[in-house]
Structure formats: structure tokens, C-alpha cells
PDB file of N, CA and C in Angstrom:
ATOM      1  N   UNK A   1      14.465 -70.517  86.606  1.00  0.00           N
ATOM      2  CA  UNK A   1      13.189 -70.328  85.663  1.00  0.00           C
ATOM      3  C   UNK A   1      12.997 -71.481  85.067  1.00  0.00           C
ATOM      4  N   UNK A   2      14.040 -72.248  84.739  1.00  0.00           N
ATOM      5  CA  UNK A   2      13.727 -73.874  84.049  1.00  0.00           C
ATOM      6  C   UNK A   2      12.959 -74.608  84.681  1.00  0.00           C
ATOM      7  N   UNK A   3      13.212 -74.414  86.289  1.00  0.00           N
ATOM      8  CA  UNK A   3      12.629 -75.437  87.163  1.00  0.00           C
ATOM      9  C   UNK A   3      11.074 -75.312  87.046  1.00  0.00           C
ATOM     10  N   UNK A   4      10.744 -73.681  86.891  1.00  0.00           N
ATOM     11  CA  UNK A   4       9.411 -73.793  87.011  1.00  0.00           C
ATOM     12  C   UNK A   4       8.502 -74.076  85.626  1.00  0.00           C
ATOM     13  N   UNK A   5       9.534 -74.103  84.628  1.00  0.00           N
ATOM     14  CA  UNK A   5       8.670 -74.878  83.276  1.00  0.00           C
ATOM     15  C   UNK A   5       8.457 -76.119  83.421  1.00  0.00           C
ATOM     16  N   UNK A   6       9.625 -76.711  83.964  1.00  0.00           N
ATOM     17  CA  UNK A   6       9.371 -78.298  84.222  1.00  0.00           C
ATOM     18  C   UNK A   6       8.242 -78.597  85.039  1.00  0.00           C
ATOM     19  N   UNK A   7       8.146 -77.900  86.372  1.00  0.00           N
ATOM     20  CA  UNK A   7       7.156 -77.829  87.207  1.00  0.00           C
ATOM     21  C   UNK A   7       5.957 -77.606  86.219  1.00  0.00           C
ATOM     22  N   UNK A   8       5.833 -76.684  85.587  1.00  0.00           N
ATOM     23  CA  UNK A   8       4.287 -76.402  84.760  1.00  0.00           C
ATOM     24  C   UNK A   8       4.074 -77.722  84.038  1.00  0.00           C
ATOM     25  N   UNK A   9       4.723 -78.188  83.127  1.00  0.00           N
ATOM     26  CA  UNK A   9       4.810 -79.063  82.446  1.00  0.00           C
ATOM     27  C   UNK A   9       3.955 -80.391  83.224  1.00  0.00           C
ATOM     28  N   UNK A  10       4.467 -80.511  84.523  1.00  0.00           N
ATOM     29  CA  UNK A  10       4.401 -81.617  85.317  1.00  0.00           C
ATOM     30  C   UNK A  10       2.868 -81.363  85.746  1.00  0.00           C
ATOM     31  N   UNK A  11       2.513 -80.139  86.140  1.00  0.00           N
ATOM     32  CA  UNK A  11       0.991 -80.107  86.404  1.00  0.00           C
ATOM     33  C   UNK A  11       0.376 -80.139  85.604  1.00  0.00           C
ATOM     34  N   UNK A  12       0.261 -79.962  83.980  1.00  0.00           N
ATOM     35  CA  UNK A  12      -0.339 -79.918  83.217  1.00  0.00           C
ATOM     36  C   UNK A  12      -0.619 -81.503  82.783  1.00  0.00           C
ATOM     37  N   UNK A  13       0.296 -82.321  82.866  1.00  0.00           N
ATOM     38  CA  UNK A  13       0.292 -83.479  82.841  1.00  0.00           C
ATOM     39  C   UNK A  13      -0.417 -84.323  83.810  1.00  0.00           C
ATOM     40  N   UNK A  14      -0.563 -83.857  84.876  1.00  0.00           N
ATOM     41  CA  UNK A  14      -1.664 -84.242  86.052  1.00  0.00           C
ATOM     42  C   UNK A  14      -2.961 -83.948  86.060  1.00  0.00           C
ATOM     43  N   UNK A  15      -3.027 -82.792  85.374  1.00  0.00           N
ATOM     44  CA  UNK A  15      -4.423 -82.367  84.968  1.00  0.00           C
ATOM     45  C   UNK A  15      -5.082 -83.028  83.943  1.00  0.00           C
ATOM     46  N   UNK A  16      -4.075 -83.313  82.752  1.00  0.00           N
ATOM     47  CA  UNK A  16      -4.786 -83.872  81.814  1.00  0.00           C
ATOM     48  C   UNK A  16      -5.501 -85.613  82.392  1.00  0.00           C
ATOM     49  N   UNK A  17      -4.785 -86.363  82.803  1.00  0.00           N
ATOM     50  CA  UNK A  17      -5.290 -87.120  83.396  1.00  0.00           C
ATOM     51  C   UNK A  17      -6.542 -87.181  84.353  1.00  0.00           C
ATOM     52  N   UNK A  18      -6.601 -86.031  85.198  1.00  0.00           N
ATOM     53  CA  UNK A  18      -7.951 -85.776  85.873  1.00  0.00           C
ATOM     54  C   UNK A  18      -9.077 -85.172  85.051  1.00  0.00           C
ATOM     55  N   UNK A  19      -8.783 -84.730  83.559  1.00  0.00           N
ATOM     56  CA  UNK A  19      -9.470 -84.335  82.748  1.00  0.00           C
ATOM     57  C   UNK A  19     -10.391 -85.542  82.346  1.00  0.00           C
ATOM     58  N   UNK A  20      -9.373 -86.633  81.984  1.00  0.00           N
ATOM     59  CA  UNK A  20     -10.208 -87.767  81.374  1.00  0.00           C
ATOM     60  C   UNK A  20     -11.088 -88.410  82.509  1.00  0.00           C
ATOM     61  N   UNK A  21     -10.732 -88.301  83.751  1.00  0.00           N
ATOM     62  CA  UNK A  21     -11.492 -89.205  84.956  1.00  0.00           C
ATOM     63  C   UNK A  21     -12.483 -88.168  84.951  1.00  0.00           C
ATOM     64  N   UNK A  22     -12.713 -86.698  85.032  1.00  0.00           N
ATOM     65  CA  UNK A  22     -13.920 -85.934  85.142  1.00  0.00           C
ATOM     66  C   UNK A  22     -14.767 -86.057  84.247  1.00  0.00           C
ATOM     67  N   UNK A  23     -14.434 -85.871  82.906  1.00  0.00           N
ATOM     68  CA  UNK A  23     -15.473 -85.846  81.868  1.00  0.00           C
ATOM     69  C   UNK A  23     -15.981 -87.094  81.245  1.00  0.00           C
ATOM     70  N   UNK A  24     -15.118 -88.048  81.141  1.00  0.00           N
ATOM     71  CA  UNK A  24     -15.557 -89.401  80.890  1.00  0.00           C
ATOM     72  C   UNK A  24     -16.352 -90.275  81.835  1.00  0.00           C
ATOM     73  N   UNK A  25     -15.709 -90.165  83.063  1.00  0.00           N
ATOM     74  CA  UNK A  25     -16.397 -90.844  84.154  1.00  0.00           C
ATOM     75  C   UNK A  25     -17.118 -90.127  85.315  1.00  0.00           C
ATOM     76  N   UNK A  26     -17.085 -88.770  85.021  1.00  0.00           N
ATOM     77  CA  UNK A  26     -18.010 -87.726  86.023  1.00  0.00           C
ATOM     78  C   UNK A  26     -17.330 -87.903  87.430  1.00  0.00           C
ATOM     79  N   UNK A  27     -15.938 -88.101  87.641  1.00  0.00           N
ATOM     80  CA  UNK A  27     -15.508 -88.176  88.872  1.00  0.00           C
ATOM     81  C   UNK A  27     -15.242 -86.986  89.555  1.00  0.00           C
ATOM     82  N   UNK A  28     -16.027 -86.605  90.333  1.00  0.00           N
ATOM     83  CA  UNK A  28     -16.270 -85.281  91.133  1.00  0.00           C
ATOM     84  C   UNK A  28     -14.667 -85.165  92.034  1.00  0.00           C
ATOM     85  N   UNK A  29     -14.348 -85.764  92.345  1.00  0.00           N
ATOM     86  CA  UNK A  29     -12.943 -85.660  92.991  1.00  0.00           C
ATOM     87  C   UNK A  29     -12.007 -85.172  92.170  1.00  0.00           C
ATOM     88  N   UNK A  30     -12.049 -85.737  90.994  1.00  0.00           N
ATOM     89  CA  UNK A  30     -10.897 -85.264  90.049  1.00  0.00           C
ATOM     90  C   UNK A  30     -10.963 -83.980  89.554  1.00  0.00           C
ATOM     91  N   UNK A  31     -12.460 -83.371  89.495  1.00  0.00           N
ATOM     92  CA  UNK A  31     -12.684 -82.125  89.188  1.00  0.00           C
ATOM     93  C   UNK A  31     -12.627 -81.035  90.169  1.00  0.00           C
ATOM     94  N   UNK A  32     -12.277 -81.603  91.350  1.00  0.00           N
ATOM     95  CA  UNK A  32     -11.573 -80.726  92.613  1.00  0.00           C
ATOM     96  C   UNK A  32     -10.193 -80.543  92.212  1.00  0.00           C
ATOM     97  N   UNK A  33      -9.429 -81.695  92.088  1.00  0.00           N
ATOM     98  CA  UNK A  33      -8.222 -81.674  91.607  1.00  0.00           C
ATOM     99  C   UNK A  33      -7.924 -80.603  90.448  1.00  0.00           C
ATOM    100  N   UNK A  34      -8.646 -80.867  89.685  1.00  0.00           N
ATOM    101  CA  UNK A  34      -8.369 -80.375  88.330  1.00  0.00           C
ATOM    102  C   UNK A  34      -8.355 -78.740  88.733  1.00  0.00           C
ATOM    103  N   UNK A  35      -9.362 -78.131  89.666  1.00  0.00           N
ATOM    104  CA  UNK A  35      -9.567 -77.040  89.971  1.00  0.00           C
ATOM    105  C   UNK A  35      -8.235 -76.293  90.690  1.00  0.00           C
ATOM    106  N   UNK A  36      -7.655 -77.016  91.483  1.00  0.00           N
ATOM    107  CA  UNK A  36      -6.635 -76.807  92.636  1.00  0.00           C
ATOM    108  C   UNK A  36      -5.378 -76.706  91.606  1.00  0.00           C
ATOM    109  N   UNK A  37      -5.080 -77.809  90.977  1.00  0.00           N
ATOM    110  CA  UNK A  37      -3.919 -77.525  89.926  1.00  0.00           C
ATOM    111  C   UNK A  37      -4.077 -76.634  88.807  1.00  0.00           C
ATOM    112  N   UNK A  38      -5.255 -76.419  88.429  1.00  0.00           N
ATOM    113  CA  UNK A  38      -5.441 -75.034  87.445  1.00  0.00           C
ATOM    114  C   UNK A  38      -5.074 -73.936  88.656  1.00  0.00           C
ATOM    115  N   UNK A  39      -5.461 -73.391  89.644  1.00  0.00           N
ATOM    116  CA  UNK A  39      -4.870 -72.594  90.392  1.00  0.00           C
ATOM    117  C   UNK A  39      -3.389 -72.501  90.447  1.00  0.00           C
ATOM    118  N   UNK A  40      -2.675 -73.714  90.746  1.00  0.00           N
ATOM    119  CA  UNK A  40      -1.489 -73.639  90.991  1.00  0.00           C
ATOM    120  C   UNK A  40      -0.715 -73.299  89.482  1.00  0.00           C
ATOM    121  N   UNK A  41      -1.324 -73.768  88.296  1.00  0.00           N
ATOM    122  CA  UNK A  41      -0.716 -73.460  87.145  1.00  0.00           C
ATOM    123  C   UNK A  41      -0.866 -71.890  86.716  1.00  0.00           C
ATOM    124  N   UNK A  42      -2.054 -71.374  87.410  1.00  0.00           N
ATOM    125  CA  UNK A  42      -1.877 -69.842  87.047  1.00  0.00           C
ATOM    126  C   UNK A  42      -0.737 -69.246  88.078  1.00  0.00           C
ATOM    127  N   UNK A  43      -0.789 -69.647  89.425  1.00  0.00           N
ATOM    128  CA  UNK A  43       0.274 -68.801  90.045  1.00  0.00           C
ATOM    129  C   UNK A  43       1.778 -68.780  89.541  1.00  0.00           C
ATOM    130  N   UNK A  44       2.018 -70.300  89.058  1.00  0.00           N
ATOM    131  CA  UNK A  44       3.218 -70.516  88.189  1.00  0.00           C
ATOM    132  C   UNK A  44       3.643 -69.758  86.845  1.00  0.00           C
ATOM    133  N   UNK A  45       2.129 -69.606  86.321  1.00  0.00           N
ATOM    134  CA  UNK A  45       2.647 -68.917  84.876  1.00  0.00           C
ATOM    135  C   UNK A  45       2.739 -67.546  85.372  1.00  0.00           C
ATOM    136  N   UNK A  46       2.138 -66.859  86.476  1.00  0.00           N
ATOM    137  CA  UNK A  46       2.254 -65.094  86.393  1.00  0.00           C
ATOM    138  C   UNK A  46       3.798 -65.151  86.924  1.00  0.00           C
ATOM    139  N   UNK A  47       4.381 -66.117  87.971  1.00  0.00           N
ATOM    140  CA  UNK A  47       5.724 -66.033  88.555  1.00  0.00           C
ATOM    141  C   UNK A  47       6.363 -65.601  87.111  1.00  0.00           C
ATOM    142  N   UNK A  48       6.139 -67.056  86.214  1.00  0.00           N
ATOM    143  CA  UNK A  48       7.058 -67.040  84.961  1.00  0.00           C
ATOM    144  C   UNK A  48       6.801 -65.679  84.142  1.00  0.00           C
ATOM    145  N   UNK A  49       5.825 -64.864  84.243  1.00  0.00           N
ATOM    146  CA  UNK A  49       5.761 -63.945  83.426  1.00  0.00           C
ATOM    147  C   UNK A  49       6.473 -62.672  84.248  1.00  0.00           C
ATOM    148  N   UNK A  50       6.305 -62.514  85.394  1.00  0.00           N
ATOM    149  CA  UNK A  50       6.744 -61.472  86.183  1.00  0.00           C
ATOM    150  C   UNK A  50       8.515 -61.468  85.980  1.00  0.00           C
ATOM    151  N   UNK A  51       8.891 -62.991  86.050  1.00  0.00           N
ATOM    152  CA  UNK A  51      10.389 -63.048  85.521  1.00  0.00           C
ATOM    153  C   UNK A  51      10.772 -62.579  84.317  1.00  0.00           C
ATOM    154  N   UNK A  52      10.024 -63.216  83.376  1.00  0.00           N
ATOM    155  CA  UNK A  52      10.312 -62.314  81.848  1.00  0.00           C
ATOM    156  C   UNK A  52      10.140 -60.715  81.842  1.00  0.00           C
ATOM    157  N   UNK A  53       9.362 -60.217  82.479  1.00  0.00           N
ATOM    158  CA  UNK A  53       8.850 -58.856  82.619  1.00  0.00           C
ATOM    159  C   UNK A  53      10.429 -57.759  83.107  1.00  0.00           C
ATOM    160  N   UNK A  54      10.784 -58.713  84.755  1.00  0.00           N
ATOM    161  CA  UNK A  54      12.037 -58.056  85.038  1.00  0.00           C
ATOM    162  C   UNK A  54      12.976 -58.147  84.171  1.00  0.00           C
ATOM    163  N   UNK A  55      12.899 -59.287  83.116  1.00  0.00           N
ATOM    164  CA  UNK A  55      14.893 -59.639  82.831  1.00  0.00           C
ATOM    165  C   UNK A  55      14.301 -58.489  81.341  1.00  0.00           C
ATOM    166  N   UNK A  56      13.055 -58.319  80.726  1.00  0.00           N
ATOM    167  CA  UNK A  56      12.919 -57.612  79.926  1.00  0.00           C
ATOM    168  C   UNK A  56      13.302 -55.967  79.883  1.00  0.00           C
ATOM    169  N   UNK A  57      13.166 -55.667  81.121  1.00  0.00           N
ATOM    170  CA  UNK A  57      13.215 -54.462  81.757  1.00  0.00           C
ATOM    171  C   UNK A  57      14.642 -53.934  82.189  1.00  0.00           C
ATOM    172  N   UNK A  58      15.432 -54.776  82.369  1.00  0.00           N
ATOM    173  CA  UNK A  58      16.818 -55.147  82.754  1.00  0.00           C
ATOM    174  C   UNK A  58      17.073 -55.144  84.271  1.00  0.00           C
ATOM    175  N   UNK A  59      16.018 -55.487  84.894  1.00  0.00           N
ATOM    176  CA  UNK A  59      16.233 -55.597  86.430  1.00  0.00           C
ATOM    177  C   UNK A  59      16.790 -57.016  86.914  1.00  0.00           C
ATOM    178  N   UNK A  60      16.484 -58.235  85.950  1.00  0.00           N
ATOM    179  CA  UNK A  60      17.495 -59.203  86.396  1.00  0.00           C
ATOM    180  C   UNK A  60      18.294 -59.640  84.989  1.00  0.00           C
ATOM    181  N   UNK A  61      19.340 -60.428  85.577  1.00  0.00           N
ATOM    182  CA  UNK A  61      20.453 -61.098  84.442  1.00  0.00           C
ATOM    183  C   UNK A  61      20.496 -62.345  84.566  1.00  0.00           C
TER     184      UNK A  61
END
């Protein structure tokens, strides 16, 4: 799961650069990348949540 947290950090860093491009320069392609990467963040966050839930319920060790 540590890899997932590292991947999540990388995605957030990528999104940050695109936010600046989209909001400062009105770059529409950056907006598409933001939406795509935010979907990936959502999926990854959900996977982390499920892992935590399973570990909390004693299903994983």
C-alpha cells in the first residue's frame, strides 16, 4: 500500500502543474488532463480506503 501512497503523491504533483496551466493560461488540454488524473486519484484513494477497512476488520494483516 506504500506504493499506492507514493503514486497518489505523484498524481497530485502532476495535477498541480496542470492546474496552473489551466487557470493561469486557460489551457483546455490541461483541463482534460486534470479531469483524467482526478479520476485516477479517486480510484487510487478508494483502493487505499478499502485496504484500510479490510485491515481494520482483521481481514488482512
